[in-house]
PDB file of N, CA and C in Angstrom:
ATOM      1  N   MET A   1       0.649  -0.527  -0.501  1.00  0.00           N
ATOM      2  CA  MET A   1      -0.023   0.123  -0.168  1.00  0.00           C
ATOM      3  C   MET A   1       1.216   1.265   0.340  1.00  0.00           C
ATOM      4  N   THR A   2       0.253   2.463  -1.129  1.00  0.00           N
ATOM      5  CA  THR A   2       1.061   3.220  -0.178  1.00  0.00           C
ATOM      6  C   THR A   2      -0.078   4.443  -0.904  1.00  0.00           C
ATOM      7  N   ASN A   3       0.481   5.404   0.333  1.00  0.00           N
ATOM      8  CA  ASN A   3       0.284   6.473   1.331  1.00  0.00           C
ATOM      9  C   ASN A   3      -0.745   7.868   0.144  1.00  0.00           C
ATOM     10  N   ALA A   4      -0.559   7.756  -0.807  1.00  0.00           N
ATOM     11  CA  ALA A   4      -0.888   8.093  -2.108  1.00  0.00           C
ATOM     12  C   ALA A   4      -2.170   8.642  -1.504  1.00  0.00           C
ATOM     13  N   PRO A   5      -2.683  10.208  -1.442  1.00  0.00           N
ATOM     14  CA  PRO A   5      -3.727  11.072  -1.856  1.00  0.00           C
ATOM     15  C   PRO A   5      -4.764  10.313  -2.912  1.00  0.00           C
ATOM     16  N   ALA A   6      -6.191   9.653  -1.958  1.00  0.00           N
ATOM     17  CA  ALA A   6      -6.873   9.786  -2.668  1.00  0.00           C
ATOM     18  C   ALA A   6      -7.732  10.523  -3.716  1.00  0.00           C
ATOM     19  N   VAL A   7      -7.215  10.127  -4.419  1.00  0.00           N
ATOM     20  CA  VAL A   7      -7.963  11.388  -5.596  1.00  0.00           C
ATOM     21  C   VAL A   7      -8.887  11.139  -6.722  1.00  0.00           C
ATOM     22  N   SER A   8     -10.317  11.379  -6.518  1.00  0.00           N
ATOM     23  CA  SER A   8     -11.181  10.879  -7.767  1.00  0.00           C
ATOM     24  C   SER A   8     -11.454  11.562  -8.655  1.00  0.00           C
ATOM     25  N   ASN A   9     -10.842  11.050 -10.140  1.00  0.00           N
ATOM     26  CA  ASN A   9     -11.244  11.389 -11.026  1.00  0.00           C
ATOM     27  C   ASN A   9     -12.397  12.256 -11.432  1.00  0.00           C
ATOM     28  N   ASN A  10     -13.934  11.301 -11.607  1.00  0.00           N
ATOM     29  CA  ASN A  10     -14.971  12.476 -11.017  1.00  0.00           C
ATOM     30  C   ASN A  10     -14.831  13.455 -10.636  1.00  0.00           C
ATOM     31  N   ALA A  11     -14.383  14.718  -9.238  1.00  0.00           N
ATOM     32  CA  ALA A  11     -14.287  15.565  -8.535  1.00  0.00           C
ATOM     33  C   ALA A  11     -14.725  16.868 -10.027  1.00  0.00           C
ATOM     34  N   PRO A  12     -15.164  17.668  -9.106  1.00  0.00           N
ATOM     35  CA  PRO A  12     -15.843  18.404  -9.783  1.00  0.00           C
ATOM     36  C   PRO A  12     -15.619  19.034 -10.170  1.00  0.00           C
ATOM     37  N   LEU A  13     -15.618  20.598 -11.688  1.00  0.00           N
ATOM     38  CA  LEU A  13     -14.681  21.239 -11.731  1.00  0.00           C
ATOM     39  C   LEU A  13     -15.412  22.584 -11.014  1.00  0.00           C
ATOM     40  N   MET A  14     -13.607  23.213 -10.273  1.00  0.00           N
ATOM     41  CA  MET A  14     -14.146  24.614  -9.088  1.00  0.00           C
ATOM     42  C   MET A  14     -13.666  25.686  -9.660  1.00  0.00           C
ATOM     43  N   ARG A  15     -12.710  25.468 -10.665  1.00  0.00           N
ATOM     44  CA  ARG A  15     -11.631  26.474 -11.583  1.00  0.00           C
ATOM     45  C   ARG A  15     -12.809  26.957 -12.334  1.00  0.00           C
ATOM     46  N   GLY A  16     -13.346  28.556 -12.343  1.00  0.00           N
ATOM     47  CA  GLY A  16     -14.370  28.645 -13.409  1.00  0.00           C
ATOM     48  C   GLY A  16     -15.137  28.448 -13.614  1.00  0.00           C
ATOM     49  N   LEU A  17     -16.355  28.365 -12.436  1.00  0.00           N
ATOM     50  CA  LEU A  17     -17.387  27.138 -12.265  1.00  0.00           C
ATOM     51  C   LEU A  17     -18.231  28.607 -12.412  1.00  0.00           C
ATOM     52  N   HIS A  18     -18.306  29.666 -11.300  1.00  0.00           N
ATOM     53  CA  HIS A  18     -18.570  30.816 -11.380  1.00  0.00           C
ATOM     54  C   HIS A  18     -19.504  31.574 -12.434  1.00  0.00           C
ATOM     55  N   ASN A  19     -19.072  31.705 -12.912  1.00  0.00           N
ATOM     56  CA  ASN A  19     -17.870  31.742 -14.883  1.00  0.00           C
ATOM     57  C   ASN A  19     -18.891  31.136 -15.808  1.00  0.00           C
ATOM     58  N   ALA A  20     -18.773  30.412 -15.508  1.00  0.00           N
ATOM     59  CA  ALA A  20     -20.035  29.085 -16.141  1.00  0.00           C
ATOM     60  C   ALA A  20     -21.085  29.217 -16.122  1.00  0.00           C
ATOM     61  N   GLN A  21     -21.343  29.104 -15.119  1.00  0.00           N
ATOM     62  CA  GLN A  21     -22.917  29.277 -14.144  1.00  0.00           C
ATOM     63  C   GLN A  21     -23.133  30.559 -14.819  1.00  0.00           C
ATOM     64  N   THR A  22     -22.846  31.561 -15.068  1.00  0.00           N
ATOM     65  CA  THR A  22     -22.880  33.005 -14.696  1.00  0.00           C
ATOM     66  C   THR A  22     -23.814  32.670 -16.773  1.00  0.00           C
ATOM     67  N   LYS A  23     -22.970  32.103 -17.139  1.00  0.00           N
ATOM     68  CA  LYS A  23     -23.049  32.483 -18.428  1.00  0.00           C
ATOM     69  C   LYS A  23     -23.910  31.335 -18.630  1.00  0.00           C
ATOM     70  N   ARG A  24     -23.886  30.726 -18.614  1.00  0.00           N
ATOM     71  CA  ARG A  24     -24.687  29.768 -18.089  1.00  0.00           C
ATOM     72  C   ARG A  24     -26.596  30.454 -17.785  1.00  0.00           C
ATOM     73  N   GLY A  25     -26.666  30.570 -16.820  1.00  0.00           N
ATOM     74  CA  GLY A  25     -27.684  31.519 -16.410  1.00  0.00           C
ATOM     75  C   GLY A  25     -28.335  32.190 -17.610  1.00  0.00           C
ATOM     76  N   LEU A  26     -27.460  33.158 -17.335  1.00  0.00           N
ATOM     77  CA  LEU A  26     -27.808  34.225 -18.481  1.00  0.00           C
ATOM     78  C   LEU A  26     -28.257  33.448 -20.014  1.00  0.00           C
ATOM     79  N   ALA A  27     -27.803  32.600 -20.286  1.00  0.00           N
ATOM     80  CA  ALA A  27     -27.950  31.796 -22.390  1.00  0.00           C
ATOM     81  C   ALA A  27     -29.575  32.037 -22.019  1.00  0.00           C
ATOM     82  N   ILE A  28     -30.023  30.700 -20.222  1.00  0.00           N
ATOM     83  CA  ILE A  28     -31.140  30.625 -19.790  1.00  0.00           C
ATOM     84  C   ILE A  28     -32.496  32.285 -19.964  1.00  0.00           C
ATOM     85  N   ALA A  29     -32.085  33.149 -18.777  1.00  0.00           N
ATOM     86  CA  ALA A  29     -32.738  34.690 -19.252  1.00  0.00           C
ATOM     87  C   ALA A  29     -32.932  34.998 -20.789  1.00  0.00           C
ATOM     88  N   ILE A  30     -31.807  34.635 -21.326  1.00  0.00           N
ATOM     89  CA  ILE A  30     -32.078  35.416 -23.207  1.00  0.00           C
ATOM     90  C   ILE A  30     -33.707  34.494 -23.409  1.00  0.00           C
ATOM     91  N   GLY A  31     -32.768  33.280 -23.867  1.00  0.00           N
ATOM     92  CA  GLY A  31     -34.103  32.805 -24.380  1.00  0.00           C
ATOM     93  C   GLY A  31     -35.094  32.573 -23.604  1.00  0.00           C
ATOM     94  N   LEU A  32     -35.229  32.645 -22.389  1.00  0.00           N
ATOM     95  CA  LEU A  32     -36.886  32.783 -21.810  1.00  0.00           C
ATOM     96  C   LEU A  32     -37.537  34.604 -22.173  1.00  0.00           C
ATOM     97  N   THR A  33     -36.742  35.002 -22.396  1.00  0.00           N
ATOM     98  CA  THR A  33     -36.806  36.128 -22.202  1.00  0.00           C
ATOM     99  C   THR A  33     -37.616  36.496 -23.816  1.00  0.00           C
ATOM    100  N   ALA A  34     -36.568  35.526 -24.655  1.00  0.00           N
ATOM    101  CA  ALA A  34     -37.370  35.771 -26.230  1.00  0.00           C
ATOM    102  C   ALA A  34     -38.399  34.647 -26.683  1.00  0.00           C
ATOM    103  N   VAL A  35     -38.645  33.737 -25.907  1.00  0.00           N
ATOM    104  CA  VAL A  35     -39.822  33.119 -25.702  1.00  0.00           C
ATOM    105  C   VAL A  35     -41.322  33.957 -25.715  1.00  0.00           C
ATOM    106  N   VAL A  36     -40.947  34.184 -23.720  1.00  0.00           N
ATOM    107  CA  VAL A  36     -41.658  35.036 -23.984  1.00  0.00           C
ATOM    108  C   VAL A  36     -42.434  36.477 -23.990  1.00  0.00           C
ATOM    109  N   THR A  37     -41.649  36.913 -25.535  1.00  0.00           N
ATOM    110  CA  THR A  37     -41.967  38.491 -25.361  1.00  0.00           C
ATOM    111  C   THR A  37     -42.421  38.199 -26.353  1.00  0.00           C
ATOM    112  N   THR A  38     -42.309  37.268 -27.767  1.00  0.00           N
ATOM    113  CA  THR A  38     -42.846  35.975 -28.610  1.00  0.00           C
ATOM    114  C   THR A  38     -44.210  36.696 -27.781  1.00  0.00           C
ATOM    115  N   ALA A  39     -44.526  35.050 -27.115  1.00  0.00           N
ATOM    116  CA  ALA A  39     -45.458  34.410 -26.803  1.00  0.00           C
ATOM    117  C   ALA A  39     -47.086  35.569 -26.553  1.00  0.00           C
ATOM    118  N   PHE A  40     -45.643  36.867 -25.686  1.00  0.00           N
ATOM    119  CA  PHE A  40     -46.869  37.942 -24.743  1.00  0.00           C
ATOM    120  C   PHE A  40     -47.272  38.905 -25.723  1.00  0.00           C
ATOM    121  N   LYS A  41     -46.038  39.440 -27.471  1.00  0.00           N
ATOM    122  CA  LYS A  41     -46.876  40.130 -28.165  1.00  0.00           C
ATOM    123  C   LYS A  41     -48.130  38.983 -29.753  1.00  0.00           C
ATOM    124  N   LEU A  42     -47.785  38.084 -29.680  1.00  0.00           N
ATOM    125  CA  LEU A  42     -48.540  37.029 -29.926  1.00  0.00           C
ATOM    126  C   LEU A  42     -49.812  36.708 -29.103  1.00  0.00           C
ATOM    127  N   PHE A  43     -49.926  36.415 -28.569  1.00  0.00           N
ATOM    128  CA  PHE A  43     -51.765  36.349 -27.521  1.00  0.00           C
ATOM    129  C   PHE A  43     -51.587  38.134 -27.166  1.00  0.00           C
ATOM    130  N   VAL A  44     -51.224  38.885 -27.370  1.00  0.00           N
ATOM    131  CA  VAL A  44     -52.118  39.411 -26.306  1.00  0.00           C
ATOM    132  C   VAL A  44     -52.001  41.355 -26.902  1.00  0.00           C
ATOM    133  N   ASN A  45     -50.820  41.300 -27.922  1.00  0.00           N
ATOM    134  CA  ASN A  45     -50.892  42.268 -28.276  1.00  0.00           C
ATOM    135  C   ASN A  45     -51.555  42.217 -29.653  1.00  0.00           C
ATOM    136  N   ASN A  46     -51.785  41.679 -31.197  1.00  0.00           N
ATOM    137  CA  ASN A  46     -52.172  41.697 -31.376  1.00  0.00           C
ATOM    138  C   ASN A  46     -54.513  41.224 -31.290  1.00  0.00           C
ATOM    139  N   PRO A  47     -53.691  40.847 -30.942  1.00  0.00           N
ATOM    140  CA  PRO A  47     -55.667  40.291 -30.625  1.00  0.00           C
ATOM    141  C   PRO A  47     -55.873  41.725 -30.194  1.00  0.00           C
ATOM    142  N   LYS A  48     -55.388  42.324 -29.402  1.00  0.00           N
ATOM    143  CA  LYS A  48     -55.549  44.078 -29.486  1.00  0.00           C
ATOM    144  C   LYS A  48     -55.742  44.715 -30.149  1.00  0.00           C
ATOM    145  N   LYS A  49     -54.801  44.972 -31.315  1.00  0.00           N
ATOM    146  CA  LYS A  49     -54.819  45.629 -31.953  1.00  0.00           C
ATOM    147  C   LYS A  49     -55.916  45.676 -32.882  1.00  0.00           C
ATOM    148  N   GLU A  50     -55.361  44.182 -33.345  1.00  0.00           N
ATOM    149  CA  GLU A  50     -56.923  44.419 -34.796  1.00  0.00           C
ATOM    150  C   GLU A  50     -57.927  44.046 -33.573  1.00  0.00           C
ATOM    151  N   ALA A  51     -58.843  44.129 -32.602  1.00  0.00           N
ATOM    152  CA  ALA A  51     -59.482  44.545 -31.844  1.00  0.00           C
ATOM    153  C   ALA A  51     -59.735  46.462 -32.014  1.00  0.00           C
ATOM    154  N   TYR A  52     -59.137  47.059 -31.416  1.00  0.00           N
ATOM    155  CA  TYR A  52     -58.708  48.225 -31.996  1.00  0.00           C
ATOM    156  C   TYR A  52     -58.976  49.336 -32.849  1.00  0.00           C
ATOM    157  N   ALA A  53     -58.166  47.986 -34.175  1.00  0.00           N
ATOM    158  CA  ALA A  53     -58.537  48.621 -35.739  1.00  0.00           C
ATOM    159  C   ALA A  53     -60.150  48.726 -36.076  1.00  0.00           C
ATOM    160  N   GLU A  54     -61.149  47.076 -35.677  1.00  0.00           N
ATOM    161  CA  GLU A  54     -62.175  47.040 -35.798  1.00  0.00           C
ATOM    162  C   GLU A  54     -62.982  47.260 -35.301  1.00  0.00           C
ATOM    163  N   PHE A  55     -62.835  48.454 -34.167  1.00  0.00           N
ATOM    164  CA  PHE A  55     -63.904  49.562 -33.657  1.00  0.00           C
ATOM    165  C   PHE A  55     -63.655  50.480 -33.888  1.00  0.00           C
ATOM    166  N   TYR A  56     -62.437  50.993 -34.064  1.00  0.00           N
ATOM    167  CA  TYR A  56     -62.502  52.257 -35.031  1.00  0.00           C
ATOM    168  C   TYR A  56     -63.547  52.599 -37.037  1.00  0.00           C
ATOM    169  N   LYS A  57     -63.550  51.511 -37.076  1.00  0.00           N
ATOM    170  CA  LYS A  57     -63.142  51.037 -38.509  1.00  0.00           C
ATOM    171  C   LYS A  57     -64.749  51.489 -39.352  1.00  0.00           C
ATOM    172  N   ASN A  58     -65.359  51.392 -38.151  1.00  0.00           N
ATOM    173  CA  ASN A  58     -66.547  52.092 -38.167  1.00  0.00           C
ATOM    174  C   ASN A  58     -67.237  52.915 -37.148  1.00  0.00           C
ATOM    175  N   TYR A  59     -66.537  53.209 -36.417  1.00  0.00           N
ATOM    176  CA  TYR A  59     -66.222  54.458 -35.583  1.00  0.00           C
ATOM    177  C   TYR A  59     -66.467  55.362 -36.047  1.00  0.00           C
ATOM    178  N   ASP A  60     -68.081  56.535 -35.612  1.00  0.00           N
ATOM    179  CA  ASP A  60     -68.040  57.510 -36.234  1.00  0.00           C
ATOM    180  C   ASP A  60     -68.040  58.869 -34.465  1.00  0.00           C
ATOM    181  N   ALA A  61     -67.070  59.365 -34.600  1.00  0.00           N
ATOM    182  CA  ALA A  61     -66.748  60.069 -33.372  1.00  0.00           C
ATOM    183  C   ALA A  61     -67.979  61.327 -33.083  1.00  0.00           C
ATOM    184  N   GLN A  62     -68.605  62.075 -34.546  1.00  0.00           N
ATOM    185  CA  GLN A  62     -69.386  62.738 -34.329  1.00  0.00           C
ATOM    186  C   GLN A  62     -70.597  62.408 -33.587  1.00  0.00           C
ATOM    187  N   LYS A  63     -71.216  61.453 -34.035  1.00  0.00           N
ATOM    188  CA  LYS A  63     -72.592  60.486 -33.258  1.00  0.00           C
ATOM    189  C   LYS A  63     -72.236  60.648 -32.097  1.00  0.00           C
ATOM    190  N   SER A  64     -70.874  59.521 -31.570  1.00  0.00           N
ATOM    191  CA  SER A  64     -71.127  59.440 -30.740  1.00  0.00           C
ATOM    192  C   SER A  64     -71.184  60.805 -29.561  1.00  0.00           C
ATOM    193  N   PHE A  65     -70.284  62.148 -29.890  1.00  0.00           N
ATOM    194  CA  PHE A  65     -70.449  62.655 -29.303  1.00  0.00           C
ATOM    195  C   PHE A  65     -71.573  63.807 -29.343  1.00  0.00           C
ATOM    196  N   GLU A  66     -72.791  62.988 -29.829  1.00  0.00           N
ATOM    197  CA  GLU A  66     -74.138  63.742 -29.671  1.00  0.00           C
ATOM    198  C   GLU A  66     -75.250  63.051 -29.242  1.00  0.00           C
ATOM    199  N   ARG A  67     -74.311  61.215 -29.021  1.00  0.00           N
ATOM    200  CA  ARG A  67     -75.306  60.988 -27.731  1.00  0.00           C
ATOM    201  C   ARG A  67     -75.006  61.273 -26.657  1.00  0.00           C
ATOM    202  N   MET A  68     -73.590  61.137 -26.399  1.00  0.00           N
ATOM    203  CA  MET A  68     -72.608  61.877 -25.028  1.00  0.00           C
ATOM    204  C   MET A  68     -73.214  62.752 -25.082  1.00  0.00           C
ATOM    205  N   LYS A  69     -74.459  63.847 -25.884  1.00  0.00           N
ATOM    206  CA  LYS A  69     -74.539  65.459 -25.524  1.00  0.00           C
ATOM    207  C   LYS A  69     -75.667  65.310 -24.743  1.00  0.00           C
ATOM    208  N   ALA A  70     -76.644  64.874 -25.745  1.00  0.00           N
ATOM    209  CA  ALA A  70     -77.252  64.144 -25.254  1.00  0.00           C
ATOM    210  C   ALA A  70     -77.951  63.591 -23.472  1.00  0.00           C
ATOM    211  N   ASN A  71     -76.995  63.145 -23.818  1.00  0.00           N
ATOM    212  CA  ASN A  71     -77.525  61.660 -21.602  1.00  0.00           C
ATOM    213  C   ASN A  71     -77.081  63.130 -20.788  1.00  0.00           C
ATOM    214  N   GLY A  72     -76.479  63.839 -21.193  1.00  0.00           N
ATOM    215  CA  GLY A  72     -75.413  65.651 -20.125  1.00  0.00           C
ATOM    216  C   GLY A  72     -74.314  65.337 -20.079  1.00  0.00           C
ATOM    217  N   ARG A  73     -73.721  64.323 -21.002  1.00  0.00           N
ATOM    218  CA  ARG A  73     -72.366  64.216 -19.718  1.00  0.00           C
ATOM    219  C   ARG A  73     -71.523  66.013 -20.360  1.00  0.00           C
ATOM    220  N   PHE A  74     -71.644  67.108 -21.046  1.00  0.00           N
ATOM    221  CA  PHE A  74     -70.612  67.669 -20.704  1.00  0.00           C
ATOM    222  C   PHE A  74     -71.416  69.335 -19.723  1.00  0.00           C
ATOM    223  N   GLN A  75     -71.090  69.773 -19.095  1.00  0.00           N
ATOM    224  CA  GLN A  75     -71.294  70.713 -18.745  1.00  0.00           C
ATOM    225  C   GLN A  75     -71.633  72.208 -20.057  1.00  0.00           C
ATOM    226  N   SER A  76     -70.814  72.105 -20.299  1.00  0.00           N
ATOM    227  CA  SER A  76     -70.250  73.205 -21.261  1.00  0.00           C
ATOM    228  C   SER A  76     -71.147  72.981 -22.413  1.00  0.00           C
ATOM    229  N   CYS A  77     -71.638  71.937 -22.624  1.00  0.00           N
ATOM    230  CA  CYS A  77     -72.457  71.997 -23.399  1.00  0.00           C
ATOM    231  C   CYS A  77     -73.750  72.380 -23.928  1.00  0.00           C
TER     232      CYS A  77
END
């Protein structure tokens, strides 16, 4: 028997571990940000934009003003 220290070949890599974990975390964060941004645009902003376009396609501002005026919404008219 020799008195050599017992060293495992499967020892964790400690040099640069913080940098490697930071790069991995940053890559995951950027990827998730891109996915969430795209999903928000597709499922929230685009339907909202289409709803506004549909509403204002047939919107008559003068008719709306006259309706509010007839209901007494304005004090100065």
